Amino acid sequence: MIVTRFAPSPTGFLHLGHAYAALFAYDAAKRASGRFLLRIEDIDAERCRPEFEAAIKEDLRWLGADFEEPLRRQSEHLSDYAAALERLDSKGLLYPCFCTRKEIAEEIARAGIAPQATEMGPDGPIYPGTCRSLSPEVWKKRIAEGAPYALRLDMAKAVASLTQELSFEELGRGPNGETGKRIARPLLFGDVVLARKEMPTSYHLAVAVDDAIQGITLVTRGEDLFPATHVQRLIQALLGLATPAYCHHRLILDAQGRKFSKRDKAVTLAELRRLGLSPLDIRARAGLS
């Protein structure tokens, strides 16, 4: 059975881009008489609000994308992520990083890499590995002193621990429009963050764990998240988790050719509803009619 999911963060109201993603996942499940789940990614306690979660559920029901309850809220399952981190740490694959974004940028500049040539990963500029060579004694001392830190995955060591080549099934566009078996190349994206001192998990870790626990068989999401799939495929392998198929779909762009964004105050579904648009109108605008 196909099981899909829509996994928004309740940090604002849904817009047309969200509607496309939710309906894409819903339609994929319903065409196959499968299941469609709603997951609330609310680990960012400072930005997530109950009223936004309520609005998400209202918008989905209005669109006709019925979802199963109870929902999985990440904030209610922090122990799952802690257990995953402990397993990775027991393999010697994690290390604390004390670098700020500014320090990372300065380190990249010292390496003589021009800003426009800086390699980018799914989380921004690829980390140069500054703290990887620090001794465990230094790590413990700085943590004991209360220094903020992130837990990073030692990517080279993690990949070296594998016994088989990583791959995943791509049913959608991907970056080059290719479908079928794709080889995962997580080494390209450096030592990604899996947790922080003040936040017990990262997007990459939580998504891999959640998808496995919920039995997701098909992950549908925007093609901008294709690089993240390489990292999450590695985490699945390290933790012995099932690997879903992936379908990376096109993005819905605004009049300026930019991806719809909460930060850019994209027109919300609630506003479109107040203007008299129907769910069929939304499907038409998103190209799903």
C-alpha atoms as a PDB file:
ATOM      1  CA  MET A   1       0.000   0.000   0.000  1.00  0.00           C
ATOM      2  CA  ILE A   2       1.197   3.492  -0.845  1.00  0.00           C
ATOM      3  CA  VAL A   3       1.500   5.792   2.167  1.00  0.00           C
ATOM      4  CA  THR A   4       2.281   9.465   1.545  1.00  0.00           C
ATOM      5  CA  ARG A   5       2.546  12.455   3.857  1.00  0.00           C
ATOM      6  CA  PHE A   6       2.424  16.224   3.967  1.00  0.00           C
ATOM      7  CA  ALA A   7       4.721  17.576   6.665  1.00  0.00           C
ATOM      8  CA  PRO A   8       4.494  21.356   7.161  1.00  0.00           C
ATOM      9  CA  SER A   9       5.953  23.411   9.996  1.00  0.00           C
ATOM     10  CA  PRO A  10       3.310  25.458  11.846  1.00  0.00           C
ATOM     11  CA  THR A  11       5.257  28.708  11.550  1.00  0.00           C
ATOM     12  CA  GLY A  12       2.756  30.508   9.330  1.00  0.00           C
ATOM     13  CA  PHE A  13      -0.263  30.050   7.103  1.00  0.00           C
ATOM     14  CA  LEU A  14      -0.315  27.797   4.043  1.00  0.00           C
ATOM     15  CA  HIS A  15       0.032  29.304   0.569  1.00  0.00           C
ATOM     16  CA  LEU A  16      -0.404  28.033  -2.994  1.00  0.00           C
ATOM     17  CA  GLY A  17       2.918  26.193  -2.943  1.00  0.00           C
ATOM     18  CA  HIS A  18       1.822  24.278   0.139  1.00  0.00           C
ATOM     19  CA  ALA A  19      -1.513  23.490  -1.498  1.00  0.00           C
ATOM     20  CA  TYR A  20       0.268  21.992  -4.510  1.00  0.00           C
ATOM     21  CA  ALA A  21       2.544  19.853  -2.303  1.00  0.00           C
ATOM     22  CA  ALA A  22      -0.316  18.639  -0.093  1.00  0.00           C
ATOM     23  CA  LEU A  23      -2.646  17.836  -2.992  1.00  0.00           C
ATOM     24  CA  PHE A  24       0.160  16.162  -4.953  1.00  0.00           C
ATOM     25  CA  ALA A  25       0.774  13.786  -2.026  1.00  0.00           C
ATOM     26  CA  TYR A  26      -2.949  13.300  -1.396  1.00  0.00           C
ATOM     27  CA  ASP A  27      -3.684  12.526  -5.055  1.00  0.00           C
ATOM     28  CA  ALA A  28      -0.785  10.052  -5.266  1.00  0.00           C
ATOM     29  CA  ALA A  29      -2.164   8.126  -2.302  1.00  0.00           C
ATOM     30  CA  LYS A  30      -5.783   8.181  -3.407  1.00  0.00           C
ATOM     31  CA  ARG A  31      -5.014   7.053  -6.965  1.00  0.00           C
ATOM     32  CA  ALA A  32      -3.543   3.897  -5.450  1.00  0.00           C
ATOM     33  CA  SER A  33      -6.209   3.528  -2.719  1.00  0.00           C
ATOM     34  CA  GLY A  34      -3.475   4.298  -0.226  1.00  0.00           C
ATOM     35  CA  ARG A  35      -3.130   6.446   2.895  1.00  0.00           C
ATOM     36  CA  PHE A  36      -2.385  10.165   3.245  1.00  0.00           C
ATOM     37  CA  LEU A  37      -0.898  11.391   6.520  1.00  0.00           C
ATOM     38  CA  LEU A  38      -0.401  14.855   7.954  1.00  0.00           C
ATOM     39  CA  ARG A  39       2.710  15.321  10.101  1.00  0.00           C
ATOM     40  CA  ILE A  40       3.421  18.478  12.063  1.00  0.00           C
ATOM     41  CA  GLU A  41       7.129  19.395  12.091  1.00  0.00           C
ATOM     42  CA  ASP A  42       7.135  21.594  15.187  1.00  0.00           C
ATOM     43  CA  ILE A  43      10.552  21.170  16.763  1.00  0.00           C
ATOM     44  CA  ASP A  44      11.239  24.908  16.419  1.00  0.00           C
ATOM     45  CA  ALA A  45       9.421  25.901  19.609  1.00  0.00           C
ATOM     46  CA  GLU A  46      10.158  29.617  19.165  1.00  0.00           C
ATOM     47  CA  ARG A  47       8.416  29.931  15.784  1.00  0.00           C
ATOM     48  CA  CYS A  48       5.705  27.254  15.862  1.00  0.00           C
ATOM     49  CA  ARG A  49       2.229  28.274  17.022  1.00  0.00           C
ATOM     50  CA  PRO A  50      -0.943  26.234  17.794  1.00  0.00           C
ATOM     51  CA  GLU A  51      -3.028  28.656  15.740  1.00  0.00           C
ATOM     52  CA  PHE A  52      -0.946  27.882  12.672  1.00  0.00           C
ATOM     53  CA  GLU A  53      -1.446  24.143  13.163  1.00  0.00           C
ATOM     54  CA  ALA A  54      -5.200  24.706  13.474  1.00  0.00           C
ATOM     55  CA  ALA A  55      -5.142  26.743  10.250  1.00  0.00           C
ATOM     56  CA  ILE A  56      -3.187  24.021   8.430  1.00  0.00           C
ATOM     57  CA  LYS A  57      -5.826  21.439   9.315  1.00  0.00           C
ATOM     58  CA  GLU A  58      -8.634  23.799   8.321  1.00  0.00           C
ATOM     59  CA  ASP A  59      -7.016  24.552   4.948  1.00  0.00           C
ATOM     60  CA  LEU A  60      -6.430  20.872   4.146  1.00  0.00           C
ATOM     61  CA  ARG A  61      -9.978  19.922   4.994  1.00  0.00           C
ATOM     62  CA  TRP A  62     -11.259  22.789   2.835  1.00  0.00           C
ATOM     63  CA  LEU A  63      -9.104  21.568  -0.047  1.00  0.00           C
ATOM     64  CA  GLY A  64     -10.576  18.085   0.361  1.00  0.00           C
ATOM     65  CA  ALA A  65      -7.266  16.517   1.423  1.00  0.00           C
ATOM     66  CA  ASP A  66      -8.618  14.391   4.247  1.00  0.00           C
ATOM     67  CA  PHE A  67      -5.915  13.126   6.589  1.00  0.00           C
ATOM     68  CA  GLU A  68      -5.755  10.483   9.267  1.00  0.00           C
ATOM     69  CA  GLU A  69      -5.735  11.276  12.959  1.00  0.00           C
ATOM     70  CA  PRO A  70      -4.127  11.316  15.436  1.00  0.00           C
ATOM     71  CA  LEU A  71      -1.344  13.369  13.868  1.00  0.00           C
ATOM     72  CA  ARG A  72       2.328  12.851  14.546  1.00  0.00           C
ATOM     73  CA  ARG A  73       3.844  15.982  16.082  1.00  0.00           C
ATOM     74  CA  GLN A  74       7.613  15.968  16.262  1.00  0.00           C
ATOM     75  CA  SER A  75       7.619  17.801  19.597  1.00  0.00           C
ATOM     76  CA  GLU A  76       5.852  14.797  21.150  1.00  0.00           C
ATOM     77  CA  HIS A  77       8.464  12.282  19.984  1.00  0.00           C
ATOM     78  CA  LEU A  78      11.808  13.784  20.969  1.00  0.00           C
ATOM     79  CA  SER A  79      12.825  10.489  22.585  1.00  0.00           C
ATOM     80  CA  ASP A  80      12.766   8.837  19.139  1.00  0.00           C
ATOM     81  CA  TYR A  81      15.332  11.309  17.831  1.00  0.00           C
ATOM     82  CA  ALA A  82      17.432  11.045  20.993  1.00  0.00           C
ATOM     83  CA  ALA A  83      17.575   7.269  20.561  1.00  0.00           C
ATOM     84  CA  ALA A  84      18.669   7.665  16.931  1.00  0.00           C
ATOM     85  CA  LEU A  85      21.388  10.122  17.927  1.00  0.00           C
ATOM     86  CA  GLU A  86      22.592   7.740  20.620  1.00  0.00           C
ATOM     87  CA  ARG A  87      22.905   4.938  18.071  1.00  0.00           C
ATOM     88  CA  LEU A  88      24.927   7.129  15.725  1.00  0.00           C
ATOM     89  CA  ASP A  89      27.091   8.370  18.581  1.00  0.00           C
ATOM     90  CA  SER A  90      27.763   4.792  19.701  1.00  0.00           C
ATOM     91  CA  LYS A  91      29.202   4.184  16.230  1.00  0.00           C
ATOM     92  CA  GLY A  92      31.562   7.143  16.697  1.00  0.00           C
ATOM     93  CA  LEU A  93      29.918   9.078  13.860  1.00  0.00           C
ATOM     94  CA  LEU A  94      29.037  12.338  15.657  1.00  0.00           C
ATOM     95  CA  TYR A  95      31.141  15.235  16.866  1.00  0.00           C
ATOM     96  CA  PRO A  96      30.302  18.609  18.422  1.00  0.00           C
ATOM     97  CA  CYS A  97      30.865  21.713  16.331  1.00  0.00           C
ATOM     98  CA  PHE A  98      31.262  25.082  18.021  1.00  0.00           C
ATOM     99  CA  CYS A  99      31.526  27.210  14.871  1.00  0.00           C
ATOM    100  CA  THR A 100      29.135  30.068  14.227  1.00  0.00           C
ATOM    101  CA  ARG A 101      27.872  30.821  10.719  1.00  0.00           C
ATOM    102  CA  LYS A 102      30.240  33.795  10.634  1.00  0.00           C
ATOM    103  CA  GLU A 103      33.204  31.624  11.590  1.00  0.00           C
ATOM    104  CA  ILE A 104      32.305  29.079   8.929  1.00  0.00           C
ATOM    105  CA  ALA A 105      32.160  31.838   6.299  1.00  0.00           C
ATOM    106  CA  GLU A 106      35.531  33.180   7.473  1.00  0.00           C
ATOM    107  CA  GLU A 107      37.089  29.708   7.295  1.00  0.00           C
ATOM    108  CA  ILE A 108      35.810  29.264   3.747  1.00  0.00           C
ATOM    109  CA  ALA A 109      37.230  32.683   2.835  1.00  0.00           C
ATOM    110  CA  ARG A 110      40.616  31.748   4.340  1.00  0.00           C
ATOM    111  CA  ALA A 111      40.627  28.709   2.084  1.00  0.00           C
ATOM    112  CA  GLY A 112      40.607  31.123  -0.840  1.00  0.00           C
ATOM    113  CA  ILE A 113      37.183  30.188  -2.159  1.00  0.00           C
ATOM    114  CA  ALA A 114      35.282  33.069  -3.737  1.00  0.00           C
ATOM    115  CA  PRO A 115      31.752  33.549  -2.340  1.00  0.00           C
ATOM    116  CA  GLN A 116      30.148  32.839  -5.698  1.00  0.00           C
ATOM    117  CA  ALA A 117      32.134  29.587  -5.956  1.00  0.00           C
ATOM    118  CA  THR A 118      31.276  28.301  -2.488  1.00  0.00           C
ATOM    119  CA  GLU A 119      29.858  24.814  -2.657  1.00  0.00           C
ATOM    120  CA  MET A 120      26.347  24.605  -1.288  1.00  0.00           C
ATOM    121  CA  GLY A 121      24.619  21.722   0.410  1.00  0.00           C
ATOM    122  CA  PRO A 122      21.007  21.235   1.512  1.00  0.00           C
ATOM    123  CA  ASP A 123      21.683  23.417   4.575  1.00  0.00           C
ATOM    124  CA  GLY A 124      23.788  26.164   2.989  1.00  0.00           C
ATOM    125  CA  PRO A 125      27.579  26.438   2.523  1.00  0.00           C
ATOM    126  CA  ILE A 126      29.299  23.088   2.975  1.00  0.00           C
ATOM    127  CA  TYR A 127      30.997  22.920   6.363  1.00  0.00           C
ATOM    128  CA  PRO A 128      34.817  22.820   6.064  1.00  0.00           C
ATOM    129  CA  GLY A 129      35.230  20.408   9.007  1.00  0.00           C
ATOM    130  CA  THR A 130      36.928  22.844  11.371  1.00  0.00           C
ATOM    131  CA  CYS A 131      35.917  21.114  14.629  1.00  0.00           C
ATOM    132  CA  ARG A 132      36.284  17.558  13.388  1.00  0.00           C
ATOM    133  CA  SER A 133      39.946  17.429  14.359  1.00  0.00           C
ATOM    134  CA  LEU A 134      39.459  18.751  17.900  1.00  0.00           C
ATOM    135  CA  SER A 135      40.279  16.248  20.620  1.00  0.00           C
ATOM    136  CA  PRO A 136      37.548  14.706  22.792  1.00  0.00           C
ATOM    137  CA  GLU A 137      39.085  16.551  25.744  1.00  0.00           C
ATOM    138  CA  VAL A 138      38.524  19.891  24.036  1.00  0.00           C
ATOM    139  CA  TRP A 139      34.973  18.888  23.103  1.00  0.00           C
ATOM    140  CA  LYS A 140      34.139  17.959  26.695  1.00  0.00           C
ATOM    141  CA  LYS A 141      35.760  21.091  28.110  1.00  0.00           C
ATOM    142  CA  ARG A 142      33.880  23.465  25.826  1.00  0.00           C
ATOM    143  CA  ILE A 143      30.558  21.708  26.416  1.00  0.00           C
ATOM    144  CA  ALA A 144      31.138  21.823  30.190  1.00  0.00           C
ATOM    145  CA  GLU A 145      31.784  25.562  29.876  1.00  0.00           C
ATOM    146  CA  GLY A 146      28.338  25.979  28.338  1.00  0.00           C
ATOM    147  CA  ALA A 147      29.437  26.785  24.791  1.00  0.00           C
ATOM    148  CA  PRO A 148      26.666  26.449  22.172  1.00  0.00           C
ATOM    149  CA  TYR A 149      27.280  23.625  19.735  1.00  0.00           C
ATOM    150  CA  ALA A 150      25.805  21.499  16.993  1.00  0.00           C
ATOM    151  CA  LEU A 151      26.197  17.747  16.594  1.00  0.00           C
ATOM    152  CA  ARG A 152      27.534  17.000  13.131  1.00  0.00           C
ATOM    153  CA  LEU A 153      27.706  13.717  11.258  1.00  0.00           C
ATOM    154  CA  ASP A 154      31.254  12.754  10.291  1.00  0.00           C
ATOM    155  CA  MET A 155      30.295  12.149   6.691  1.00  0.00           C
ATOM    156  CA  ALA A 156      33.478  10.452   5.511  1.00  0.00           C
ATOM    157  CA  LYS A 157      33.500   8.049   8.447  1.00  0.00           C
ATOM    158  CA  ALA A 158      29.778   7.356   8.038  1.00  0.00           C
ATOM    159  CA  VAL A 159      30.076   6.533   4.327  1.00  0.00           C
ATOM    160  CA  ALA A 160      33.177   4.406   4.965  1.00  0.00           C
ATOM    161  CA  SER A 161      31.189   2.314   7.456  1.00  0.00           C
ATOM    162  CA  LEU A 162      28.761   1.147   4.770  1.00  0.00           C
ATOM    163  CA  THR A 163      29.096  -2.169   3.009  1.00  0.00           C
ATOM    164  CA  GLN A 164      26.833  -1.426   0.043  1.00  0.00           C
ATOM    165  CA  GLU A 165      26.324   1.395  -2.429  1.00  0.00           C
ATOM    166  CA  LEU A 166      23.475   3.721  -1.475  1.00  0.00           C
ATOM    167  CA  SER A 167      20.627   4.234  -3.911  1.00  0.00           C
ATOM    168  CA  PHE A 168      16.987   5.281  -3.993  1.00  0.00           C
ATOM    169  CA  GLU A 169      14.101   5.160  -6.446  1.00  0.00           C
ATOM    170  CA  GLU A 170      13.192   8.521  -7.986  1.00  0.00           C
ATOM    171  CA  LEU A 171       9.742   8.659  -9.561  1.00  0.00           C
ATOM    172  CA  GLY A 172       9.630  12.397 -10.199  1.00  0.00           C
ATOM    173  CA  ARG A 173      11.786  15.095 -11.715  1.00  0.00           C
ATOM    174  CA  GLY A 174      14.975  15.262  -9.701  1.00  0.00           C
ATOM    175  CA  PRO A 175      17.434  18.005 -10.697  1.00  0.00           C
ATOM    176  CA  ASN A 176      17.886  16.694 -14.244  1.00  0.00           C
ATOM    177  CA  GLY A 177      14.444  15.265 -14.894  1.00  0.00           C
ATOM    178  CA  GLU A 178      15.740  11.703 -14.521  1.00  0.00           C
ATOM    179  CA  THR A 179      13.646   8.920 -13.031  1.00  0.00           C
ATOM    180  CA  GLY A 180      14.525   5.447 -11.832  1.00  0.00           C
ATOM    181  CA  LYS A 181      17.347   4.253  -9.621  1.00  0.00           C
ATOM    182  CA  ARG A 182      19.574   7.055  -8.394  1.00  0.00           C
ATOM    183  CA  ILE A 183      22.898   6.657  -6.593  1.00  0.00           C
ATOM    184  CA  ALA A 184      23.044   8.611  -3.336  1.00  0.00           C
ATOM    185  CA  ARG A 185      26.203  10.696  -2.924  1.00  0.00           C
ATOM    186  CA  PRO A 186      26.047  12.187   0.586  1.00  0.00           C
ATOM    187  CA  LEU A 187      29.793  12.902   0.629  1.00  0.00           C
ATOM    188  CA  LEU A 188      29.087  15.867  -1.641  1.00  0.00           C
ATOM    189  CA  PHE A 189      27.293  17.668   1.176  1.00  0.00           C
ATOM    190  CA  GLY A 190      29.833  17.580   3.999  1.00  0.00           C
ATOM    191  CA  ASP A 191      29.306  17.067   7.717  1.00  0.00           C
ATOM    192  CA  VAL A 192      25.643  17.989   8.132  1.00  0.00           C
ATOM    193  CA  VAL A 193      24.075  19.022  11.445  1.00  0.00           C
ATOM    194  CA  LEU A 194      21.890  16.357  13.092  1.00  0.00           C
ATOM    195  CA  ALA A 195      21.058  18.197  16.334  1.00  0.00           C
ATOM    196  CA  ARG A 196      21.921  21.294  18.339  1.00  0.00           C
ATOM    197  CA  LYS A 197      22.393  22.014  22.012  1.00  0.00           C
ATOM    198  CA  GLU A 198      19.041  23.790  22.127  1.00  0.00           C
ATOM    199  CA  MET A 199      17.252  21.621  19.538  1.00  0.00           C
ATOM    200  CA  PRO A 200      17.296  17.818  19.907  1.00  0.00           C
ATOM    201  CA  THR A 201      17.124  17.002  16.207  1.00  0.00           C
ATOM    202  CA  SER A 202      17.592  18.435  12.732  1.00  0.00           C
ATOM    203  CA  TYR A 203      15.342  18.238   9.697  1.00  0.00           C
ATOM    204  CA  HIS A 204      17.437  15.432   8.189  1.00  0.00           C
ATOM    205  CA  LEU A 205      17.372  13.181  11.228  1.00  0.00           C
ATOM    206  CA  ALA A 206      13.728  13.812  12.141  1.00  0.00           C
ATOM    207  CA  VAL A 207      12.485  13.190   8.598  1.00  0.00           C
ATOM    208  CA  ALA A 208      14.352   9.893   8.271  1.00  0.00           C
ATOM    209  CA  VAL A 209      13.099   8.658  11.649  1.00  0.00           C
ATOM    210  CA  ASP A 210       9.526   9.900  11.179  1.00  0.00           C
ATOM    211  CA  ASP A 211       9.119   8.432   7.708  1.00  0.00           C
ATOM    212  CA  ALA A 212      10.273   5.028   8.964  1.00  0.00           C
ATOM    213  CA  ILE A 213       8.064   5.039  12.058  1.00  0.00           C
ATOM    214  CA  GLN A 214       5.016   6.115  10.065  1.00  0.00           C
ATOM    215  CA  GLY A 215       5.608   3.569   7.309  1.00  0.00           C
ATOM    216  CA  ILE A 216       5.862   6.175   4.546  1.00  0.00           C
ATOM    217  CA  THR A 217       6.403   4.386   1.234  1.00  0.00           C
ATOM    218  CA  LEU A 218       6.415   7.416  -1.092  1.00  0.00           C
ATOM    219  CA  VAL A 219       7.907  10.793  -0.203  1.00  0.00           C
ATOM    220  CA  THR A 220       6.582  13.537  -2.471  1.00  0.00           C
ATOM    221  CA  ARG A 221       8.172  16.978  -2.147  1.00  0.00           C
ATOM    222  CA  GLY A 222       9.631  19.872  -4.107  1.00  0.00           C
ATOM    223  CA  GLU A 223      12.636  19.385  -6.349  1.00  0.00           C
ATOM    224  CA  ASP A 224      14.551  21.919  -4.233  1.00  0.00           C
ATOM    225  CA  LEU A 225      14.784  19.209  -1.555  1.00  0.00           C
ATOM    226  CA  PHE A 226      16.476  16.685  -3.847  1.00  0.00           C
ATOM    227  CA  PRO A 227      19.929  17.237  -2.258  1.00  0.00           C
ATOM    228  CA  ALA A 228      18.475  16.425   1.169  1.00  0.00           C
ATOM    229  CA  THR A 229      17.502  12.976  -0.113  1.00  0.00           C
ATOM    230  CA  HIS A 230      21.166  11.991  -0.436  1.00  0.00           C
ATOM    231  CA  VAL A 231      21.757  12.826   3.230  1.00  0.00           C
ATOM    232  CA  GLN A 232      18.560  11.196   4.469  1.00  0.00           C
ATOM    233  CA  ARG A 233      19.285   8.034   2.488  1.00  0.00           C
ATOM    234  CA  LEU A 234      22.561   7.745   4.375  1.00  0.00           C
ATOM    235  CA  ILE A 235      20.857   8.216   7.742  1.00  0.00           C
ATOM    236  CA  GLN A 236      18.374   5.475   6.827  1.00  0.00           C
ATOM    237  CA  ALA A 237      21.248   3.112   6.062  1.00  0.00           C
ATOM    238  CA  LEU A 238      23.133   3.949   9.258  1.00  0.00           C
ATOM    239  CA  LEU A 239      20.046   3.362  11.403  1.00  0.00           C
ATOM    240  CA  GLY A 240      18.736   0.338   9.496  1.00  0.00           C
ATOM    241  CA  LEU A 241      15.550   2.148   8.454  1.00  0.00           C
ATOM    242  CA  ALA A 242      13.340   1.359   5.477  1.00  0.00           C
ATOM    243  CA  THR A 243      13.835   3.487   2.365  1.00  0.00           C
ATOM    244  CA  PRO A 244      10.735   4.935   0.671  1.00  0.00           C
ATOM    245  CA  ALA A 245      10.511   5.830  -2.994  1.00  0.00           C
ATOM    246  CA  TYR A 246      10.811   9.539  -3.795  1.00  0.00           C
ATOM    247  CA  CYS A 247       8.968  11.808  -6.174  1.00  0.00           C
ATOM    248  CA  HIS A 248      10.414  15.317  -6.378  1.00  0.00           C
ATOM    249  CA  HIS A 249       7.920  17.551  -8.105  1.00  0.00           C
ATOM    250  CA  ARG A 250       8.066  20.986  -9.694  1.00  0.00           C
ATOM    251  CA  LEU A 251       7.818  24.129  -7.598  1.00  0.00           C
ATOM    252  CA  ILE A 252       4.998  26.641  -7.777  1.00  0.00           C
ATOM    253  CA  LEU A 253       6.512  30.043  -8.565  1.00  0.00           C
ATOM    254  CA  ASP A 254       5.209  33.555  -8.084  1.00  0.00           C
ATOM    255  CA  ALA A 255       4.978  36.291 -10.740  1.00  0.00           C
ATOM    256  CA  GLN A 256       8.680  37.061 -10.227  1.00  0.00           C
ATOM    257  CA  GLY A 257       9.668  33.447 -10.784  1.00  0.00           C
ATOM    258  CA  ARG A 258      10.439  32.830  -7.111  1.00  0.00           C
ATOM    259  CA  LYS A 259       9.282  29.926  -4.979  1.00  0.00           C
ATOM    260  CA  PHE A 260       6.332  30.815  -2.778  1.00  0.00           C
ATOM    261  CA  SER A 261       7.565  31.528   0.739  1.00  0.00           C
ATOM    262  CA  LYS A 262       6.104  32.394   4.129  1.00  0.00           C
ATOM    263  CA  ARG A 263       8.984  34.816   4.614  1.00  0.00           C
ATOM    264  CA  ASP A 264       8.033  36.683   1.465  1.00  0.00           C
ATOM    265  CA  LYS A 265       4.459  36.887   2.761  1.00  0.00           C
ATOM    266  CA  ALA A 266       2.992  34.896  -0.097  1.00  0.00           C
ATOM    267  CA  VAL A 267      -0.783  35.125  -0.408  1.00  0.00           C
ATOM    268  CA  THR A 268      -2.291  32.553   1.942  1.00  0.00           C
ATOM    269  CA  LEU A 269      -4.972  29.989   1.185  1.00  0.00           C
ATOM    270  CA  ALA A 270      -7.164  31.640   3.816  1.00  0.00           C
ATOM    271  CA  GLU A 271      -6.941  34.929   1.915  1.00  0.00           C
ATOM    272  CA  LEU A 272      -7.744  33.244  -1.392  1.00  0.00           C
ATOM    273  CA  ARG A 273     -10.712  31.558   0.261  1.00  0.00           C
ATOM    274  CA  ARG A 274     -11.978  34.916   1.531  1.00  0.00           C
ATOM    275  CA  LEU A 275     -11.686  36.261  -2.015  1.00  0.00           C
ATOM    276  CA  GLY A 276     -14.177  33.612  -3.096  1.00  0.00           C
ATOM    277  CA  LEU A 277     -11.881  31.024  -4.675  1.00  0.00           C
ATOM    278  CA  SER A 278     -12.983  27.396  -4.430  1.00  0.00           C
ATOM    279  CA  PRO A 279     -10.849  24.268  -3.945  1.00  0.00           C
ATOM    280  CA  LEU A 280     -11.221  23.618  -7.683  1.00  0.00           C
ATOM    281  CA  ASP A 281      -9.892  27.133  -8.357  1.00  0.00           C
ATOM    282  CA  ILE A 282      -6.869  26.386  -6.193  1.00  0.00           C
ATOM    283  CA  ARG A 283      -6.242  23.157  -8.087  1.00  0.00           C
ATOM    284  CA  ALA A 284      -6.457  25.058 -11.360  1.00  0.00           C
ATOM    285  CA  ARG A 285      -4.035  27.751 -10.183  1.00  0.00           C
ATOM    286  CA  ALA A 286      -1.605  25.063  -9.023  1.00  0.00           C
ATOM    287  CA  GLY A 287      -1.888  23.166 -12.316  1.00  0.00           C
ATOM    288  CA  LEU A 288      -3.561  20.132 -10.771  1.00  0.00           C
ATOM    289  CA  SER A 289      -6.975  20.356 -12.439  1.00  0.00           C
END
